[in-house]
Amino acid sequence: MRAAPGAAARGFTLIELLTALLVLSLLALMSYRGLGAVLDARDHVGRETEKWQRVAAFFARFKRDVELGSPRPVRSAAGSAPAWRGEAVTPAGARLEFSRFASNEAVDAARRVGYRLNEKQEIELWLWPGLDVAPDTLPARYPVLAGVSSFELHYLSPTLVWVDAWPASPSDPLLPRAVRARIVLVSGEEIERVFALQ
């Protein structure tokens, strides 16, 4: 069939097709970049969430341990160790070491517990098999929080003064009134919590 004379052929010109392709390619590029930004944001949020969950789990464990702190000194190879020993500067050894009662759930026993920052920027949990252990018994060590650049502990004395080491004097009681823990993550965040002892 032939088109009627005088009727213009209907269709797209080359310029219109190229303009449509340009608009579609720009929309596809913006969609791709938008999707990439959403995926990057999701990954970042996932990493941050995981980091803060690990920090919360560490503080929950630390809180549980210090709240179960026991005023019982322990026998050691050197004689007797205080119920609670917090050291201000420790090139080696536990930064905090104390006796702990068994939990109410009876899932663990009374034991000696310690916390320290190791050279791998991890806070380690030290667990001895019991309170009074044989000489040369070493604790089991477990990393409980990685990515920590600083771990500081302070102890509240009976005169309501924060001190760096416990016992600060021979007249101090077996346990401090509270513990203040401050950690600085390698990413720069600082977290400080205070835990009262029962």
N, C-alpha and C. Protein backbone atom coordinates (compact mmCIF):
# COMPACT_ATOMS: atom_id res chain seq x y z
N MET A 1 0.84 -1.18 0.00
CA MET A 1 0.00 0.00 0.00
C MET A 1 0.88 1.23 0.00
N ARG A 2 0.36 2.21 -0.57
CA ARG A 2 1.09 3.46 -0.67
C ARG A 2 0.50 4.48 0.27
N ALA A 3 1.39 5.30 0.78
CA ALA A 3 0.93 6.40 1.64
C ALA A 3 0.20 7.41 0.78
N ALA A 4 -0.78 8.02 1.38
CA ALA A 4 -1.54 9.04 0.66
C ALA A 4 -0.61 10.17 0.26
N PRO A 5 -0.82 10.73 -0.93
CA PRO A 5 0.05 11.83 -1.32
C PRO A 5 -0.12 13.01 -0.39
N GLY A 6 0.99 13.62 -0.06
CA GLY A 6 0.99 14.79 0.82
C GLY A 6 1.08 14.45 2.28
N ALA A 7 0.95 13.14 2.65
CA ALA A 7 1.06 12.77 4.07
C ALA A 7 2.53 12.56 4.40
N ALA A 8 2.99 13.18 5.45
CA ALA A 8 4.40 13.07 5.85
C ALA A 8 4.62 11.73 6.53
N ALA A 9 5.75 11.15 6.30
CA ALA A 9 6.08 9.89 6.96
C ALA A 9 6.36 10.18 8.43
N ARG A 10 5.74 9.37 9.32
CA ARG A 10 5.89 9.57 10.77
C ARG A 10 7.00 8.65 11.26
N GLY A 11 7.91 9.12 12.09
CA GLY A 11 9.01 8.34 12.64
C GLY A 11 9.93 9.24 13.44
N PHE A 12 11.00 8.64 13.91
CA PHE A 12 11.97 9.40 14.70
C PHE A 12 13.15 9.76 13.84
N THR A 13 13.63 10.94 14.06
CA THR A 13 14.83 11.35 13.34
C THR A 13 16.04 10.81 14.09
N LEU A 14 17.19 10.85 13.48
CA LEU A 14 18.42 10.38 14.10
C LEU A 14 18.75 11.22 15.33
N ILE A 15 18.51 12.50 15.30
CA ILE A 15 18.79 13.38 16.44
C ILE A 15 17.90 12.99 17.62
N GLU A 16 16.64 12.70 17.36
CA GLU A 16 15.74 12.30 18.45
C GLU A 16 16.18 10.98 19.07
N LEU A 17 16.60 10.02 18.24
CA LEU A 17 17.07 8.73 18.76
C LEU A 17 18.33 8.91 19.61
N LEU A 18 19.26 9.70 19.13
CA LEU A 18 20.50 9.93 19.89
C LEU A 18 20.20 10.65 21.21
N THR A 19 19.28 11.59 21.20
CA THR A 19 18.91 12.30 22.44
C THR A 19 18.27 11.34 23.42
N ALA A 20 17.39 10.47 22.95
CA ALA A 20 16.75 9.48 23.83
C ALA A 20 17.79 8.52 24.41
N LEU A 21 18.73 8.08 23.60
CA LEU A 21 19.79 7.20 24.09
C LEU A 21 20.67 7.91 25.13
N LEU A 22 20.96 9.17 24.92
CA LEU A 22 21.76 9.94 25.87
C LEU A 22 21.03 10.07 27.20
N VAL A 23 19.73 10.38 27.14
CA VAL A 23 18.95 10.51 28.38
C VAL A 23 18.89 9.17 29.11
N LEU A 24 18.65 8.09 28.40
CA LEU A 24 18.61 6.76 29.03
C LEU A 24 19.95 6.37 29.63
N SER A 25 21.05 6.69 28.95
CA SER A 25 22.37 6.35 29.49
C SER A 25 22.68 7.18 30.74
N LEU A 26 22.26 8.44 30.76
CA LEU A 26 22.45 9.28 31.96
C LEU A 26 21.63 8.74 33.14
N LEU A 27 20.39 8.31 32.86
CA LEU A 27 19.55 7.72 33.92
C LEU A 27 20.18 6.42 34.44
N ALA A 28 20.71 5.60 33.54
CA ALA A 28 21.34 4.36 33.97
C ALA A 28 22.59 4.63 34.80
N LEU A 29 23.38 5.63 34.41
CA LEU A 29 24.58 5.99 35.16
C LEU A 29 24.22 6.50 36.55
N MET A 30 23.20 7.36 36.65
CA MET A 30 22.79 7.87 37.95
C MET A 30 22.23 6.74 38.82
N SER A 31 21.49 5.83 38.23
CA SER A 31 20.96 4.69 38.99
C SER A 31 22.10 3.82 39.51
N TYR A 32 23.11 3.57 38.66
CA TYR A 32 24.25 2.74 39.05
C TYR A 32 25.00 3.39 40.21
N ARG A 33 25.25 4.70 40.08
CA ARG A 33 25.95 5.40 41.16
C ARG A 33 25.13 5.44 42.44
N GLY A 34 23.84 5.63 42.31
CA GLY A 34 22.97 5.63 43.48
C GLY A 34 22.95 4.27 44.16
N LEU A 35 22.88 3.21 43.37
CA LEU A 35 22.91 1.86 43.92
C LEU A 35 24.25 1.57 44.59
N GLY A 36 25.34 2.03 43.97
CA GLY A 36 26.67 1.85 44.57
C GLY A 36 26.78 2.57 45.91
N ALA A 37 26.22 3.79 45.98
CA ALA A 37 26.26 4.54 47.24
C ALA A 37 25.43 3.84 48.32
N VAL A 38 24.28 3.29 47.92
CA VAL A 38 23.44 2.57 48.89
C VAL A 38 24.16 1.33 49.40
N LEU A 39 24.80 0.58 48.50
CA LEU A 39 25.52 -0.62 48.92
C LEU A 39 26.72 -0.28 49.81
N ASP A 40 27.45 0.79 49.46
CA ASP A 40 28.56 1.23 50.31
C ASP A 40 28.07 1.64 51.69
N ALA A 41 26.97 2.37 51.74
CA ALA A 41 26.41 2.80 53.03
C ALA A 41 25.96 1.60 53.84
N ARG A 42 25.37 0.60 53.18
CA ARG A 42 24.93 -0.60 53.89
C ARG A 42 26.13 -1.35 54.48
N ASP A 43 27.22 -1.46 53.70
CA ASP A 43 28.43 -2.12 54.21
C ASP A 43 29.01 -1.36 55.40
N HIS A 44 29.05 -0.03 55.29
CA HIS A 44 29.57 0.79 56.38
C HIS A 44 28.72 0.63 57.64
N VAL A 45 27.42 0.68 57.48
CA VAL A 45 26.52 0.51 58.63
C VAL A 45 26.69 -0.88 59.23
N GLY A 46 26.86 -1.89 58.39
CA GLY A 46 27.07 -3.25 58.89
C GLY A 46 28.35 -3.36 59.71
N ARG A 47 29.44 -2.75 59.21
CA ARG A 47 30.71 -2.78 59.95
C ARG A 47 30.59 -2.03 61.27
N GLU A 48 29.95 -0.86 61.24
CA GLU A 48 29.78 -0.08 62.48
C GLU A 48 28.91 -0.83 63.48
N THR A 49 27.85 -1.45 63.00
CA THR A 49 26.97 -2.21 63.89
C THR A 49 27.72 -3.36 64.54
N GLU A 50 28.51 -4.07 63.74
CA GLU A 50 29.29 -5.19 64.29
C GLU A 50 30.30 -4.70 65.32
N LYS A 51 30.95 -3.57 65.04
CA LYS A 51 31.93 -3.01 65.98
C LYS A 51 31.27 -2.67 67.31
N TRP A 52 30.12 -1.99 67.27
CA TRP A 52 29.46 -1.58 68.51
C TRP A 52 28.83 -2.76 69.24
N GLN A 53 28.45 -3.81 68.51
CA GLN A 53 27.97 -5.02 69.18
C GLN A 53 29.10 -5.69 69.94
N ARG A 54 30.31 -5.71 69.35
CA ARG A 54 31.46 -6.27 70.06
C ARG A 54 31.80 -5.45 71.30
N VAL A 55 31.74 -4.13 71.19
CA VAL A 55 32.01 -3.26 72.35
C VAL A 55 30.97 -3.50 73.44
N ALA A 56 29.70 -3.58 73.06
CA ALA A 56 28.64 -3.83 74.04
C ALA A 56 28.80 -5.19 74.70
N ALA A 57 29.19 -6.21 73.93
CA ALA A 57 29.41 -7.54 74.51
C ALA A 57 30.58 -7.52 75.49
N PHE A 58 31.64 -6.79 75.15
CA PHE A 58 32.77 -6.68 76.08
C PHE A 58 32.35 -6.04 77.38
N PHE A 59 31.64 -4.90 77.30
CA PHE A 59 31.24 -4.21 78.52
C PHE A 59 30.25 -5.03 79.33
N ALA A 60 29.39 -5.80 78.67
CA ALA A 60 28.46 -6.67 79.40
C ALA A 60 29.23 -7.73 80.16
N ARG A 61 30.24 -8.32 79.54
CA ARG A 61 31.07 -9.33 80.21
C ARG A 61 31.85 -8.71 81.37
N PHE A 62 32.45 -7.56 81.12
CA PHE A 62 33.23 -6.87 82.15
C PHE A 62 32.34 -6.51 83.34
N LYS A 63 31.15 -6.00 83.07
CA LYS A 63 30.20 -5.63 84.12
C LYS A 63 29.83 -6.85 84.96
N ARG A 64 29.52 -7.95 84.29
CA ARG A 64 29.15 -9.17 85.00
C ARG A 64 30.28 -9.65 85.89
N ASP A 65 31.51 -9.60 85.38
CA ASP A 65 32.65 -10.06 86.17
C ASP A 65 32.91 -9.18 87.39
N VAL A 66 32.93 -7.85 87.19
CA VAL A 66 33.26 -6.99 88.34
C VAL A 66 32.13 -6.97 89.37
N GLU A 67 30.88 -7.13 88.92
CA GLU A 67 29.78 -7.17 89.89
C GLU A 67 29.83 -8.44 90.74
N LEU A 68 30.48 -9.49 90.23
CA LEU A 68 30.63 -10.71 91.00
C LEU A 68 31.95 -10.74 91.78
N GLY A 69 32.64 -9.58 91.83
CA GLY A 69 33.91 -9.50 92.53
C GLY A 69 33.78 -9.97 93.98
N SER A 70 34.76 -10.77 94.41
CA SER A 70 34.75 -11.37 95.74
C SER A 70 35.86 -10.75 96.59
N PRO A 71 35.58 -10.50 97.88
CA PRO A 71 36.63 -9.93 98.74
C PRO A 71 37.59 -10.99 99.28
N ARG A 72 37.76 -12.08 98.58
CA ARG A 72 38.59 -13.18 99.06
C ARG A 72 39.99 -13.11 98.45
N PRO A 73 41.03 -12.91 99.28
CA PRO A 73 42.41 -13.01 98.77
C PRO A 73 42.69 -14.45 98.36
N VAL A 74 43.70 -14.63 97.55
CA VAL A 74 44.04 -15.97 97.08
C VAL A 74 45.47 -16.32 97.47
N ARG A 75 45.70 -17.61 97.62
CA ARG A 75 47.04 -18.10 97.89
C ARG A 75 47.75 -18.29 96.56
N SER A 76 48.99 -17.90 96.54
CA SER A 76 49.79 -18.06 95.31
C SER A 76 51.16 -18.58 95.70
N ALA A 77 52.00 -18.80 94.69
CA ALA A 77 53.35 -19.30 94.95
C ALA A 77 54.15 -18.29 95.77
N ALA A 78 53.86 -17.02 95.61
CA ALA A 78 54.59 -15.97 96.34
C ALA A 78 53.98 -15.70 97.71
N GLY A 79 52.95 -16.41 98.09
CA GLY A 79 52.32 -16.19 99.39
C GLY A 79 50.84 -15.94 99.23
N SER A 80 50.46 -14.67 99.28
CA SER A 80 49.05 -14.32 99.17
C SER A 80 48.90 -13.16 98.19
N ALA A 81 47.87 -13.22 97.38
CA ALA A 81 47.57 -12.13 96.44
C ALA A 81 46.27 -11.47 96.89
N PRO A 82 46.18 -10.14 96.76
CA PRO A 82 44.96 -9.46 97.21
C PRO A 82 43.74 -9.90 96.40
N ALA A 83 42.58 -9.70 97.00
CA ALA A 83 41.33 -10.06 96.32
C ALA A 83 41.18 -9.27 95.03
N TRP A 84 41.63 -8.04 95.04
CA TRP A 84 41.51 -7.16 93.87
C TRP A 84 42.85 -6.48 93.66
N ARG A 85 43.43 -6.65 92.49
CA ARG A 85 44.71 -6.00 92.20
C ARG A 85 44.62 -5.31 90.86
N GLY A 86 44.68 -4.01 90.90
CA GLY A 86 44.69 -3.22 89.68
C GLY A 86 46.00 -2.47 89.59
N GLU A 87 46.70 -2.64 88.49
CA GLU A 87 48.01 -2.02 88.33
C GLU A 87 47.93 -0.87 87.35
N ALA A 88 48.64 0.21 87.68
CA ALA A 88 48.60 1.40 86.83
C ALA A 88 49.38 1.18 85.54
N VAL A 89 50.57 0.64 85.63
CA VAL A 89 51.40 0.41 84.45
C VAL A 89 51.83 -1.04 84.47
N THR A 90 51.55 -1.76 83.40
CA THR A 90 51.90 -3.18 83.37
C THR A 90 52.57 -3.51 82.05
N PRO A 91 53.88 -3.59 82.01
CA PRO A 91 54.51 -4.02 80.77
C PRO A 91 54.17 -5.47 80.45
N ALA A 92 53.95 -6.28 81.48
CA ALA A 92 53.53 -7.67 81.27
C ALA A 92 52.63 -8.03 82.43
N GLY A 93 51.69 -8.91 82.18
CA GLY A 93 50.77 -9.31 83.24
C GLY A 93 49.43 -8.66 83.11
N ALA A 94 48.53 -9.07 83.98
CA ALA A 94 47.16 -8.58 83.91
C ALA A 94 47.10 -7.14 84.39
N ARG A 95 46.34 -6.35 83.72
CA ARG A 95 46.13 -4.96 84.13
C ARG A 95 45.19 -4.95 85.33
N LEU A 96 44.25 -5.84 85.32
CA LEU A 96 43.31 -5.99 86.43
C LEU A 96 43.18 -7.47 86.70
N GLU A 97 43.29 -7.83 87.98
CA GLU A 97 43.16 -9.23 88.37
C GLU A 97 42.37 -9.26 89.67
N PHE A 98 41.34 -10.12 89.74
CA PHE A 98 40.51 -10.15 90.94
C PHE A 98 39.84 -11.50 91.10
N SER A 99 39.37 -11.73 92.33
CA SER A 99 38.62 -12.94 92.64
C SER A 99 37.16 -12.69 92.30
N ARG A 100 36.50 -13.72 91.79
CA ARG A 100 35.11 -13.56 91.37
C ARG A 100 34.28 -14.74 91.88
N PHE A 101 33.11 -14.42 92.43
CA PHE A 101 32.17 -15.46 92.84
C PHE A 101 31.63 -16.19 91.62
N ALA A 102 31.03 -17.36 91.85
CA ALA A 102 30.31 -18.04 90.78
C ALA A 102 29.03 -17.27 90.49
N SER A 103 28.54 -17.37 89.26
CA SER A 103 27.31 -16.67 88.90
C SER A 103 26.10 -17.37 89.51
N ASN A 104 24.98 -16.66 89.57
CA ASN A 104 23.75 -17.23 90.12
C ASN A 104 23.24 -18.40 89.29
N GLU A 105 23.53 -18.38 87.98
CA GLU A 105 23.05 -19.44 87.11
C GLU A 105 23.84 -20.73 87.30
N ALA A 106 24.91 -20.67 88.09
CA ALA A 106 25.77 -21.83 88.37
C ALA A 106 26.35 -22.43 87.09
N VAL A 107 26.64 -21.58 86.11
CA VAL A 107 27.25 -22.08 84.88
C VAL A 107 28.77 -22.02 84.96
N ASP A 108 29.30 -21.38 85.98
CA ASP A 108 30.75 -21.33 86.16
C ASP A 108 31.07 -21.38 87.65
N ALA A 109 32.34 -21.50 87.96
CA ALA A 109 32.77 -21.63 89.35
C ALA A 109 33.45 -20.34 89.79
N ALA A 110 33.64 -20.22 91.10
CA ALA A 110 34.44 -19.10 91.62
C ALA A 110 35.84 -19.24 91.05
N ARG A 111 36.40 -18.14 90.59
CA ARG A 111 37.72 -18.20 89.96
C ARG A 111 38.40 -16.85 90.00
N ARG A 112 39.63 -16.86 89.59
CA ARG A 112 40.41 -15.64 89.44
C ARG A 112 40.27 -15.18 88.00
N VAL A 113 40.04 -13.87 87.82
CA VAL A 113 39.79 -13.29 86.49
C VAL A 113 40.73 -12.12 86.29
N GLY A 114 41.16 -11.91 85.07
CA GLY A 114 42.01 -10.77 84.75
C GLY A 114 41.67 -10.18 83.40
N TYR A 115 42.01 -8.89 83.23
CA TYR A 115 41.85 -8.19 81.95
C TYR A 115 43.11 -7.40 81.67
N ARG A 116 43.56 -7.42 80.43
CA ARG A 116 44.70 -6.60 80.04
C ARG A 116 44.67 -6.33 78.55
N LEU A 117 45.38 -5.29 78.14
CA LEU A 117 45.52 -4.95 76.72
C LEU A 117 46.83 -5.56 76.23
N ASN A 118 46.77 -6.39 75.20
CA ASN A 118 47.99 -7.03 74.70
C ASN A 118 48.61 -6.21 73.57
N GLU A 119 49.73 -6.71 73.05
CA GLU A 119 50.46 -5.98 72.01
C GLU A 119 49.76 -6.01 70.66
N LYS A 120 48.73 -6.85 70.49
CA LYS A 120 47.97 -6.90 69.24
C LYS A 120 46.77 -5.97 69.26
N GLN A 121 46.71 -5.07 70.24
CA GLN A 121 45.60 -4.14 70.41
C GLN A 121 44.28 -4.87 70.65
N GLU A 122 44.36 -5.91 71.49
CA GLU A 122 43.19 -6.68 71.90
C GLU A 122 43.12 -6.66 73.42
N ILE A 123 41.91 -6.53 73.94
CA ILE A 123 41.73 -6.72 75.37
C ILE A 123 41.55 -8.22 75.59
N GLU A 124 42.40 -8.76 76.45
CA GLU A 124 42.35 -10.19 76.74
C GLU A 124 41.63 -10.43 78.06
N LEU A 125 40.89 -11.51 78.11
CA LEU A 125 40.30 -12.02 79.35
C LEU A 125 41.18 -13.17 79.81
N TRP A 126 41.63 -13.09 81.07
CA TRP A 126 42.44 -14.15 81.65
C TRP A 126 41.56 -14.90 82.64
N LEU A 127 41.55 -16.21 82.53
CA LEU A 127 40.76 -17.05 83.44
C LEU A 127 41.66 -18.13 84.05
N TRP A 128 41.76 -18.12 85.36
CA TRP A 128 42.45 -19.18 86.07
C TRP A 128 41.43 -20.28 86.38
N PRO A 129 41.87 -21.52 86.56
CA PRO A 129 40.91 -22.60 86.79
C PRO A 129 40.17 -22.50 88.11
N GLY A 130 40.68 -21.76 89.05
CA GLY A 130 40.01 -21.61 90.35
C GLY A 130 40.58 -20.42 91.08
N LEU A 131 40.26 -20.31 92.35
CA LEU A 131 40.80 -19.20 93.14
C LEU A 131 42.22 -19.51 93.60
N ASP A 132 42.40 -20.58 94.34
CA ASP A 132 43.73 -20.98 94.79
C ASP A 132 44.23 -22.04 93.82
N VAL A 133 45.28 -21.72 93.10
CA VAL A 133 45.78 -22.64 92.09
C VAL A 133 47.21 -23.04 92.42
N ALA A 134 47.63 -24.12 91.82
CA ALA A 134 48.99 -24.62 92.04
C ALA A 134 50.00 -23.63 91.48
N PRO A 135 51.21 -23.64 92.04
CA PRO A 135 52.25 -22.76 91.50
C PRO A 135 52.47 -23.03 90.01
N ASP A 136 52.84 -22.00 89.32
CA ASP A 136 53.13 -22.07 87.88
C ASP A 136 51.90 -22.39 87.03
N THR A 137 50.71 -22.25 87.59
CA THR A 137 49.50 -22.44 86.78
C THR A 137 49.24 -21.15 86.01
N LEU A 138 49.19 -21.26 84.72
CA LEU A 138 48.97 -20.08 83.88
C LEU A 138 47.50 -19.96 83.53
N PRO A 139 47.01 -18.73 83.39
CA PRO A 139 45.60 -18.57 83.02
C PRO A 139 45.38 -18.85 81.54
N ALA A 140 44.15 -19.23 81.21
CA ALA A 140 43.74 -19.30 79.81
C ALA A 140 43.47 -17.87 79.36
N ARG A 141 43.90 -17.54 78.15
CA ARG A 141 43.74 -16.16 77.65
C ARG A 141 42.83 -16.17 76.43
N TYR A 142 41.88 -15.25 76.44
CA TYR A 142 40.92 -15.14 75.34
C TYR A 142 40.81 -13.69 74.91
N PRO A 143 41.00 -13.38 73.63
CA PRO A 143 40.74 -12.00 73.19
C PRO A 143 39.24 -11.73 73.21
N VAL A 144 38.83 -10.66 73.88
CA VAL A 144 37.40 -10.35 73.96
C VAL A 144 37.01 -9.08 73.21
N LEU A 145 38.01 -8.24 72.88
CA LEU A 145 37.71 -7.04 72.10
C LEU A 145 38.96 -6.63 71.34
N ALA A 146 38.85 -6.60 70.01
CA ALA A 146 39.99 -6.23 69.16
C ALA A 146 39.86 -4.78 68.73
N GLY A 147 40.95 -4.22 68.24
CA GLY A 147 40.94 -2.85 67.73
C GLY A 147 40.91 -1.80 68.82
N VAL A 148 41.64 -2.04 69.92
CA VAL A 148 41.66 -1.11 71.06
C VAL A 148 43.06 -0.53 71.17
N SER A 149 43.17 0.79 71.13
CA SER A 149 44.49 1.41 71.24
C SER A 149 44.84 1.78 72.68
N SER A 150 43.84 1.93 73.54
CA SER A 150 44.10 2.30 74.93
C SER A 150 43.03 1.68 75.83
N PHE A 151 43.47 1.17 76.99
CA PHE A 151 42.58 0.56 77.97
C PHE A 151 43.02 1.05 79.34
N GLU A 152 42.18 1.88 79.97
CA GLU A 152 42.51 2.48 81.26
C GLU A 152 41.47 2.09 82.29
N LEU A 153 41.94 1.83 83.49
CA LEU A 153 41.06 1.48 84.60
C LEU A 153 41.39 2.37 85.79
N HIS A 154 40.34 2.84 86.47
CA HIS A 154 40.48 3.62 87.69
C HIS A 154 39.54 3.04 88.73
N TYR A 155 39.90 3.22 89.99
CA TYR A 155 39.19 2.59 91.09
C TYR A 155 38.75 3.65 92.09
N LEU A 156 37.51 3.52 92.56
CA LEU A 156 36.94 4.50 93.49
C LEU A 156 37.27 4.07 94.92
N SER A 157 37.99 4.94 95.62
CA SER A 157 38.40 4.64 96.99
C SER A 157 37.27 4.95 97.96
N PRO A 158 37.39 4.53 99.23
CA PRO A 158 36.35 4.85 100.23
C PRO A 158 36.15 6.35 100.43
N THR A 159 37.18 7.16 100.10
CA THR A 159 37.05 8.62 100.23
C THR A 159 36.51 9.25 98.96
N LEU A 160 36.01 8.42 98.04
CA LEU A 160 35.40 8.85 96.77
C LEU A 160 36.39 9.59 95.88
N VAL A 161 37.60 9.06 95.83
CA VAL A 161 38.65 9.59 94.95
C VAL A 161 39.03 8.48 93.97
N TRP A 162 39.13 8.82 92.69
CA TRP A 162 39.55 7.84 91.68
C TRP A 162 41.06 7.68 91.75
N VAL A 163 41.53 6.42 91.83
CA VAL A 163 42.96 6.13 91.88
C VAL A 163 43.31 5.19 90.73
N ASP A 164 44.60 5.21 90.33
CA ASP A 164 45.05 4.41 89.19
C ASP A 164 45.34 2.96 89.54
N ALA A 165 45.65 2.68 90.80
CA ALA A 165 46.02 1.32 91.20
C ALA A 165 45.23 0.93 92.44
N TRP A 166 45.04 -0.39 92.59
CA TRP A 166 44.32 -0.88 93.77
C TRP A 166 45.01 -2.13 94.28
N PRO A 167 45.22 -2.23 95.57
CA PRO A 167 44.96 -1.24 96.61
C PRO A 167 45.96 -0.09 96.54
N ALA A 168 45.45 1.11 96.76
CA ALA A 168 46.30 2.29 96.69
C ALA A 168 47.11 2.46 97.98
N SER A 169 46.59 1.95 99.08
CA SER A 169 47.30 2.02 100.36
C SER A 169 46.98 0.76 101.15
N PRO A 170 47.80 0.42 102.14
CA PRO A 170 47.53 -0.79 102.93
C PRO A 170 46.22 -0.72 103.71
N SER A 171 45.71 0.47 103.96
CA SER A 171 44.46 0.60 104.73
C SER A 171 43.22 0.47 103.85
N ASP A 172 43.39 0.35 102.53
CA ASP A 172 42.23 0.24 101.65
C ASP A 172 41.50 -1.08 101.89
N PRO A 173 40.17 -1.09 101.71
CA PRO A 173 39.43 -2.36 101.84
C PRO A 173 39.83 -3.31 100.72
N LEU A 174 39.31 -4.53 100.78
CA LEU A 174 39.68 -5.54 99.80
C LEU A 174 39.20 -5.19 98.39
N LEU A 175 38.06 -4.51 98.30
CA LEU A 175 37.50 -4.15 96.98
C LEU A 175 37.27 -2.65 96.91
N PRO A 176 37.46 -2.05 95.73
CA PRO A 176 37.08 -0.64 95.56
C PRO A 176 35.57 -0.50 95.54
N ARG A 177 35.10 0.72 95.63
CA ARG A 177 33.65 0.96 95.58
C ARG A 177 33.11 0.85 94.16
N ALA A 178 33.93 1.24 93.20
CA ALA A 178 33.51 1.19 91.78
C ALA A 178 34.75 1.11 90.90
N VAL A 179 34.52 0.75 89.65
CA VAL A 179 35.59 0.69 88.64
C VAL A 179 35.15 1.55 87.45
N ARG A 180 36.07 2.37 86.98
CA ARG A 180 35.81 3.16 85.77
C ARG A 180 36.71 2.63 84.66
N ALA A 181 36.10 2.16 83.60
CA ALA A 181 36.84 1.61 82.45
C ALA A 181 36.72 2.59 81.29
N ARG A 182 37.85 2.90 80.69
CA ARG A 182 37.88 3.79 79.53
C ARG A 182 38.68 3.10 78.43
N ILE A 183 38.07 2.93 77.27
CA ILE A 183 38.78 2.36 76.13
C ILE A 183 38.75 3.37 74.99
N VAL A 184 39.82 3.34 74.21
CA VAL A 184 39.91 4.14 72.99
C VAL A 184 40.12 3.15 71.85
N LEU A 185 39.22 3.18 70.89
CA LEU A 185 39.32 2.28 69.75
C LEU A 185 40.32 2.82 68.74
N VAL A 186 40.87 1.96 67.91
CA VAL A 186 41.82 2.42 66.90
C VAL A 186 41.15 3.36 65.90
N SER A 187 39.84 3.30 65.79
CA SER A 187 39.12 4.21 64.90
C SER A 187 38.89 5.58 65.54
N GLY A 188 39.31 5.75 66.81
CA GLY A 188 39.28 7.07 67.45
C GLY A 188 38.18 7.27 68.48
N GLU A 189 37.18 6.40 68.54
CA GLU A 189 36.10 6.58 69.50
C GLU A 189 36.57 6.27 70.92
N GLU A 190 36.08 7.05 71.87
CA GLU A 190 36.39 6.83 73.29
C GLU A 190 35.11 6.45 74.01
N ILE A 191 35.18 5.39 74.80
CA ILE A 191 34.01 4.93 75.57
C ILE A 191 34.45 4.81 77.02
N GLU A 192 33.64 5.35 77.90
CA GLU A 192 33.92 5.29 79.33
C GLU A 192 32.69 4.82 80.07
N ARG A 193 32.86 3.85 80.94
CA ARG A 193 31.73 3.32 81.75
C ARG A 193 32.19 3.19 83.18
N VAL A 194 31.23 3.31 84.09
CA VAL A 194 31.49 3.15 85.52
C VAL A 194 30.65 1.99 86.02
N PHE A 195 31.26 1.10 86.80
CA PHE A 195 30.60 -0.10 87.32
C PHE A 195 30.75 -0.11 88.83
N ALA A 196 29.62 -0.17 89.53
CA ALA A 196 29.64 -0.25 90.98
C ALA A 196 29.83 -1.70 91.39
N LEU A 197 30.60 -1.89 92.46
CA LEU A 197 30.80 -3.23 92.99
C LEU A 197 29.81 -3.47 94.12
N GLN A 198 29.32 -4.69 94.22
CA GLN A 198 28.33 -5.00 95.25
C GLN A 198 29.03 -5.34 96.55
